[in-house]
Amino acid sequence: MTSKPSLWQSKWQTDEFEDVLTHDTGLKVRLNNGVGFAENADEVIETLEQIHGDHNARAMVQRLLREGEQLLIDPNSRGWRGKDRRV
């Protein structure tokens, strides 16, 4: 059985023409001078608030922004590994 976070990259769709990533939640992330930013964070937060609450929705969007930024910088990324975690 695969763990839930093991396939996080599959939830992102790439639009190479627009140079933007879109998550299953609708969050759109692009790079600006090497830094990721979400084009529609407020709109996605509003949607997620109804399901997960205000605090959780904001935290989720921040995490998704980091994921999108990482995939734009390194499309072959496997995710973050803490210094104590083994690959």
N, C-alpha and C. Protein backbone atom coordinates (compact mmCIF):
# COMPACT_ATOMS: atom_id res chain seq x y z
N MET A 1 0.85 -1.19 0.00
CA MET A 1 0.00 0.00 0.00
C MET A 1 0.89 1.24 0.00
N THR A 2 0.59 2.17 -0.86
CA THR A 2 1.35 3.41 -0.91
C THR A 2 0.84 4.38 0.14
N SER A 3 1.77 5.14 0.68
CA SER A 3 1.36 6.13 1.66
C SER A 3 0.72 7.31 0.94
N LYS A 4 -0.11 8.02 1.65
CA LYS A 4 -0.86 9.13 1.06
C LYS A 4 0.04 10.18 0.41
N PRO A 5 1.13 10.62 1.08
CA PRO A 5 1.93 11.68 0.46
C PRO A 5 2.88 11.22 -0.64
N SER A 6 2.97 9.92 -0.89
CA SER A 6 3.99 9.45 -1.83
C SER A 6 3.75 9.87 -3.27
N LEU A 7 2.54 10.17 -3.65
CA LEU A 7 2.24 10.55 -5.03
C LEU A 7 1.73 11.99 -5.13
N TRP A 8 2.25 12.87 -4.29
CA TRP A 8 1.75 14.24 -4.25
C TRP A 8 1.95 14.95 -5.57
N GLN A 9 2.97 14.59 -6.34
CA GLN A 9 3.23 15.25 -7.62
C GLN A 9 2.10 15.01 -8.62
N SER A 10 1.40 13.88 -8.50
CA SER A 10 0.35 13.55 -9.46
C SER A 10 -0.87 14.46 -9.35
N LYS A 11 -0.95 15.22 -8.28
CA LYS A 11 -2.09 16.13 -8.09
C LYS A 11 -1.88 17.47 -8.81
N TRP A 12 -0.74 17.62 -9.45
CA TRP A 12 -0.40 18.85 -10.16
C TRP A 12 -0.42 18.62 -11.66
N GLN A 13 -0.99 19.60 -12.38
CA GLN A 13 -1.00 19.59 -13.85
C GLN A 13 -0.15 20.76 -14.34
N THR A 14 0.66 20.50 -15.35
CA THR A 14 1.56 21.52 -15.89
C THR A 14 0.99 22.11 -17.16
N ASP A 15 0.98 23.42 -17.22
CA ASP A 15 0.65 24.12 -18.45
C ASP A 15 1.94 24.80 -18.90
N GLU A 16 2.70 24.12 -19.75
CA GLU A 16 4.01 24.63 -20.15
C GLU A 16 3.90 25.91 -20.97
N PHE A 17 2.81 26.06 -21.73
CA PHE A 17 2.63 27.27 -22.52
C PHE A 17 2.49 28.49 -21.63
N GLU A 18 1.72 28.34 -20.55
CA GLU A 18 1.50 29.44 -19.60
C GLU A 18 2.56 29.47 -18.51
N ASP A 19 3.37 28.40 -18.41
CA ASP A 19 4.40 28.27 -17.38
C ASP A 19 3.79 28.35 -15.97
N VAL A 20 2.74 27.56 -15.78
CA VAL A 20 2.01 27.56 -14.50
C VAL A 20 1.65 26.12 -14.16
N LEU A 21 1.60 25.84 -12.86
CA LEU A 21 1.12 24.55 -12.35
C LEU A 21 -0.24 24.77 -11.73
N THR A 22 -1.14 23.80 -11.92
CA THR A 22 -2.47 23.86 -11.31
C THR A 22 -2.69 22.61 -10.48
N HIS A 23 -3.03 22.80 -9.21
CA HIS A 23 -3.29 21.70 -8.30
C HIS A 23 -4.75 21.26 -8.44
N ASP A 24 -5.04 20.05 -7.97
CA ASP A 24 -6.42 19.54 -8.01
C ASP A 24 -7.40 20.48 -7.30
N THR A 25 -6.92 21.24 -6.34
CA THR A 25 -7.79 22.18 -5.62
C THR A 25 -8.10 23.43 -6.44
N GLY A 26 -7.36 23.61 -7.55
CA GLY A 26 -7.53 24.80 -8.38
C GLY A 26 -6.44 25.83 -8.17
N LEU A 27 -5.57 25.63 -7.18
CA LEU A 27 -4.50 26.59 -6.91
C LEU A 27 -3.54 26.63 -8.10
N LYS A 28 -3.26 27.85 -8.57
CA LYS A 28 -2.34 28.05 -9.69
C LYS A 28 -1.06 28.69 -9.15
N VAL A 29 0.07 28.05 -9.45
CA VAL A 29 1.37 28.51 -8.96
C VAL A 29 2.30 28.75 -10.13
N ARG A 30 2.99 29.88 -10.08
CA ARG A 30 4.03 30.17 -11.08
C ARG A 30 5.23 30.79 -10.38
N LEU A 31 6.35 30.83 -11.08
CA LEU A 31 7.56 31.44 -10.52
C LEU A 31 7.69 32.87 -10.99
N ASN A 32 8.19 33.72 -10.09
CA ASN A 32 8.52 35.09 -10.41
C ASN A 32 9.89 35.35 -9.82
N ASN A 33 10.90 35.47 -10.69
CA ASN A 33 12.28 35.63 -10.25
C ASN A 33 12.73 34.50 -9.32
N GLY A 34 12.31 33.28 -9.63
CA GLY A 34 12.73 32.12 -8.85
C GLY A 34 11.94 31.86 -7.59
N VAL A 35 10.92 32.67 -7.33
CA VAL A 35 10.09 32.51 -6.14
C VAL A 35 8.66 32.19 -6.57
N GLY A 36 8.08 31.15 -5.97
CA GLY A 36 6.73 30.77 -6.32
C GLY A 36 5.69 31.70 -5.72
N PHE A 37 4.63 31.95 -6.47
CA PHE A 37 3.50 32.69 -5.92
C PHE A 37 2.21 32.09 -6.47
N ALA A 38 1.18 32.16 -5.65
CA ALA A 38 -0.12 31.61 -6.03
C ALA A 38 -0.96 32.74 -6.62
N GLU A 39 -1.49 32.49 -7.81
CA GLU A 39 -2.29 33.51 -8.48
C GLU A 39 -3.67 33.66 -7.87
N ASN A 40 -4.20 32.59 -7.30
CA ASN A 40 -5.59 32.61 -6.84
C ASN A 40 -5.72 32.03 -5.42
N ALA A 41 -4.77 32.36 -4.55
CA ALA A 41 -4.75 31.80 -3.20
C ALA A 41 -6.03 32.13 -2.43
N ASP A 42 -6.49 33.36 -2.48
CA ASP A 42 -7.68 33.76 -1.71
C ASP A 42 -8.91 32.96 -2.13
N GLU A 43 -9.05 32.77 -3.41
CA GLU A 43 -10.19 32.02 -3.93
C GLU A 43 -10.15 30.55 -3.47
N VAL A 44 -8.97 29.94 -3.50
CA VAL A 44 -8.83 28.55 -3.06
C VAL A 44 -9.01 28.43 -1.56
N ILE A 45 -8.51 29.41 -0.80
CA ILE A 45 -8.69 29.41 0.65
C ILE A 45 -10.18 29.43 0.99
N GLU A 46 -10.94 30.27 0.30
CA GLU A 46 -12.39 30.33 0.55
C GLU A 46 -13.05 28.97 0.33
N THR A 47 -12.65 28.29 -0.72
CA THR A 47 -13.22 26.97 -1.01
C THR A 47 -12.83 25.96 0.06
N LEU A 48 -11.55 25.96 0.43
CA LEU A 48 -11.06 24.99 1.42
C LEU A 48 -11.58 25.28 2.83
N GLU A 49 -11.86 26.55 3.13
CA GLU A 49 -12.39 26.92 4.45
C GLU A 49 -13.70 26.20 4.74
N GLN A 50 -14.51 26.03 3.74
CA GLN A 50 -15.81 25.38 3.93
C GLN A 50 -15.65 23.92 4.33
N ILE A 51 -14.56 23.31 3.93
CA ILE A 51 -14.33 21.90 4.23
C ILE A 51 -13.44 21.71 5.46
N HIS A 52 -12.37 22.53 5.55
CA HIS A 52 -11.33 22.29 6.55
C HIS A 52 -11.20 23.37 7.62
N GLY A 53 -11.93 24.45 7.51
CA GLY A 53 -11.82 25.55 8.46
C GLY A 53 -10.75 26.55 8.04
N ASP A 54 -10.83 27.75 8.60
CA ASP A 54 -9.97 28.87 8.21
C ASP A 54 -8.48 28.57 8.40
N HIS A 55 -8.11 28.19 9.60
CA HIS A 55 -6.68 27.98 9.89
C HIS A 55 -6.10 26.86 9.02
N ASN A 56 -6.81 25.76 8.91
CA ASN A 56 -6.32 24.64 8.11
C ASN A 56 -6.24 24.99 6.64
N ALA A 57 -7.20 25.73 6.13
CA ALA A 57 -7.21 26.09 4.71
C ALA A 57 -5.99 26.94 4.37
N ARG A 58 -5.68 27.90 5.22
CA ARG A 58 -4.52 28.76 4.97
C ARG A 58 -3.22 27.95 5.01
N ALA A 59 -3.11 27.04 5.96
CA ALA A 59 -1.92 26.19 6.07
C ALA A 59 -1.80 25.28 4.85
N MET A 60 -2.92 24.78 4.38
CA MET A 60 -2.92 23.90 3.20
C MET A 60 -2.43 24.66 1.97
N VAL A 61 -2.90 25.88 1.79
CA VAL A 61 -2.49 26.67 0.63
C VAL A 61 -1.00 26.99 0.71
N GLN A 62 -0.50 27.29 1.90
CA GLN A 62 0.94 27.54 2.05
C GLN A 62 1.76 26.31 1.67
N ARG A 63 1.31 25.13 2.12
CA ARG A 63 2.00 23.89 1.78
C ARG A 63 1.94 23.63 0.28
N LEU A 64 0.77 23.83 -0.31
CA LEU A 64 0.62 23.62 -1.75
C LEU A 64 1.49 24.60 -2.55
N LEU A 65 1.61 25.82 -2.07
CA LEU A 65 2.47 26.79 -2.72
C LEU A 65 3.92 26.31 -2.72
N ARG A 66 4.38 25.78 -1.59
CA ARG A 66 5.75 25.25 -1.51
C ARG A 66 5.93 24.05 -2.46
N GLU A 67 4.92 23.18 -2.51
CA GLU A 67 4.98 22.03 -3.42
C GLU A 67 5.08 22.50 -4.87
N GLY A 68 4.21 23.42 -5.26
CA GLY A 68 4.21 23.92 -6.63
C GLY A 68 5.52 24.60 -6.99
N GLU A 69 6.02 25.40 -6.07
CA GLU A 69 7.30 26.07 -6.29
C GLU A 69 8.40 25.04 -6.50
N GLN A 70 8.41 24.01 -5.68
CA GLN A 70 9.44 22.98 -5.80
C GLN A 70 9.35 22.26 -7.14
N LEU A 71 8.14 21.93 -7.58
CA LEU A 71 7.98 21.25 -8.87
C LEU A 71 8.36 22.14 -10.05
N LEU A 72 8.12 23.43 -9.94
CA LEU A 72 8.52 24.34 -11.02
C LEU A 72 10.04 24.45 -11.09
N ILE A 73 10.69 24.43 -9.95
CA ILE A 73 12.15 24.53 -9.91
C ILE A 73 12.78 23.20 -10.31
N ASP A 74 12.23 22.09 -9.81
CA ASP A 74 12.77 20.76 -10.10
C ASP A 74 11.62 19.80 -10.41
N PRO A 75 11.25 19.66 -11.68
CA PRO A 75 10.11 18.81 -12.05
C PRO A 75 10.25 17.35 -11.66
N ASN A 76 11.46 16.89 -11.38
CA ASN A 76 11.68 15.49 -10.99
C ASN A 76 11.75 15.33 -9.48
N SER A 77 11.31 16.33 -8.76
CA SER A 77 11.41 16.34 -7.30
C SER A 77 10.63 15.20 -6.67
N ARG A 78 11.21 14.66 -5.59
CA ARG A 78 10.54 13.60 -4.84
C ARG A 78 10.00 14.13 -3.52
N GLY A 79 10.18 15.40 -3.22
CA GLY A 79 9.67 15.95 -1.98
C GLY A 79 10.77 16.29 -1.01
N TRP A 80 10.39 16.89 0.09
CA TRP A 80 11.36 17.31 1.10
C TRP A 80 11.68 16.14 2.00
N ARG A 81 12.90 16.07 2.40
CA ARG A 81 13.34 15.05 3.36
C ARG A 81 14.01 15.79 4.51
N GLY A 82 13.57 15.52 5.70
CA GLY A 82 14.21 16.10 6.87
C GLY A 82 15.62 15.53 7.00
N LYS A 83 16.48 16.22 7.75
CA LYS A 83 17.87 15.78 7.84
C LYS A 83 18.00 14.41 8.51
N ASP A 84 17.01 14.03 9.30
CA ASP A 84 17.07 12.73 9.97
C ASP A 84 16.41 11.61 9.18
N ARG A 85 15.77 11.95 8.09
CA ARG A 85 15.06 10.93 7.31
C ARG A 85 15.99 10.34 6.26
N ARG A 86 15.84 9.08 6.03
CA ARG A 86 16.63 8.36 5.04
C ARG A 86 15.90 8.38 3.70
N VAL A 87 16.65 8.38 2.64
CA VAL A 87 16.07 8.35 1.29
C VAL A 87 15.76 6.92 0.92
